[in-house]
Amino acid sequence: MCRRIFREEVETMAVIYATLIVKGKKTFDQVPERIQAQVKELLVDLDVPELAE
């Protein structure tokens, strides 16, 4: 159960960071390392992979 909650929190934070990056409020460099892969995947899915560089 605890592992599932953590995974959901990571997914939620990845969506939040991806949204902030798209809006120009954050950069990919400001994303914590442990969720960078998930954020990059979201940015690719949103057709803005250049924001993950």
Protein backbone atom coordinates (compact mmCIF):
# COMPACT_ATOMS: atom_id res chain seq x y z
CA MET A 1 0.00 0.00 0.00
CA CYS A 2 2.73 2.47 0.96
CA ARG A 3 4.58 1.83 -2.30
CA ARG A 4 1.45 2.61 -4.33
CA ILE A 5 0.92 5.94 -2.58
CA PHE A 6 4.51 6.92 -3.27
CA ARG A 7 4.15 6.07 -6.97
CA GLU A 8 0.97 8.14 -7.22
CA GLU A 9 2.69 11.07 -5.51
CA VAL A 10 5.61 10.87 -7.94
CA GLU A 11 3.21 10.82 -10.89
CA THR A 12 1.33 13.81 -9.49
CA MET A 13 4.52 15.78 -8.92
CA ALA A 14 5.72 14.93 -12.44
CA VAL A 15 2.49 16.34 -13.89
CA ILE A 16 2.84 19.47 -11.76
CA TYR A 17 6.45 20.04 -12.84
CA ALA A 18 5.63 19.38 -16.51
CA THR A 19 2.81 21.91 -16.31
CA LEU A 20 5.07 24.50 -14.70
CA ILE A 21 7.74 23.93 -17.35
CA VAL A 22 5.23 24.36 -20.19
CA LYS A 23 3.97 27.59 -18.58
CA GLY A 24 7.54 28.87 -18.27
CA LYS A 25 7.51 28.98 -14.46
CA LYS A 26 10.18 26.27 -14.01
CA THR A 27 12.95 24.73 -16.10
CA PHE A 28 13.82 21.06 -16.49
CA ASP A 29 17.00 21.69 -14.50
CA GLN A 30 14.82 22.58 -11.50
CA VAL A 31 13.10 19.18 -11.51
CA PRO A 32 14.30 16.80 -8.76
CA GLU A 33 16.45 14.04 -10.25
CA ARG A 34 14.22 11.24 -9.00
CA ILE A 35 11.28 12.40 -11.15
CA GLN A 36 13.13 13.77 -14.19
CA ALA A 37 12.43 10.65 -16.27
CA GLN A 38 8.69 10.92 -15.65
CA VAL A 39 8.66 14.66 -16.38
CA LYS A 40 10.64 14.14 -19.59
CA GLU A 41 8.18 11.46 -20.70
CA LEU A 42 5.26 13.82 -20.08
CA LEU A 43 6.93 16.63 -22.02
CA VAL A 44 7.54 14.27 -24.96
CA ASP A 45 3.87 13.20 -24.80
CA LEU A 46 2.88 16.88 -24.89
CA ASP A 47 4.98 17.35 -28.07
CA VAL A 48 7.46 19.70 -26.38
CA PRO A 49 10.52 17.47 -25.88
CA GLU A 50 12.80 20.48 -26.35
CA LEU A 51 11.70 21.68 -22.90
CA ALA A 52 13.36 18.61 -21.37
CA GLU A 53 16.82 19.62 -22.57
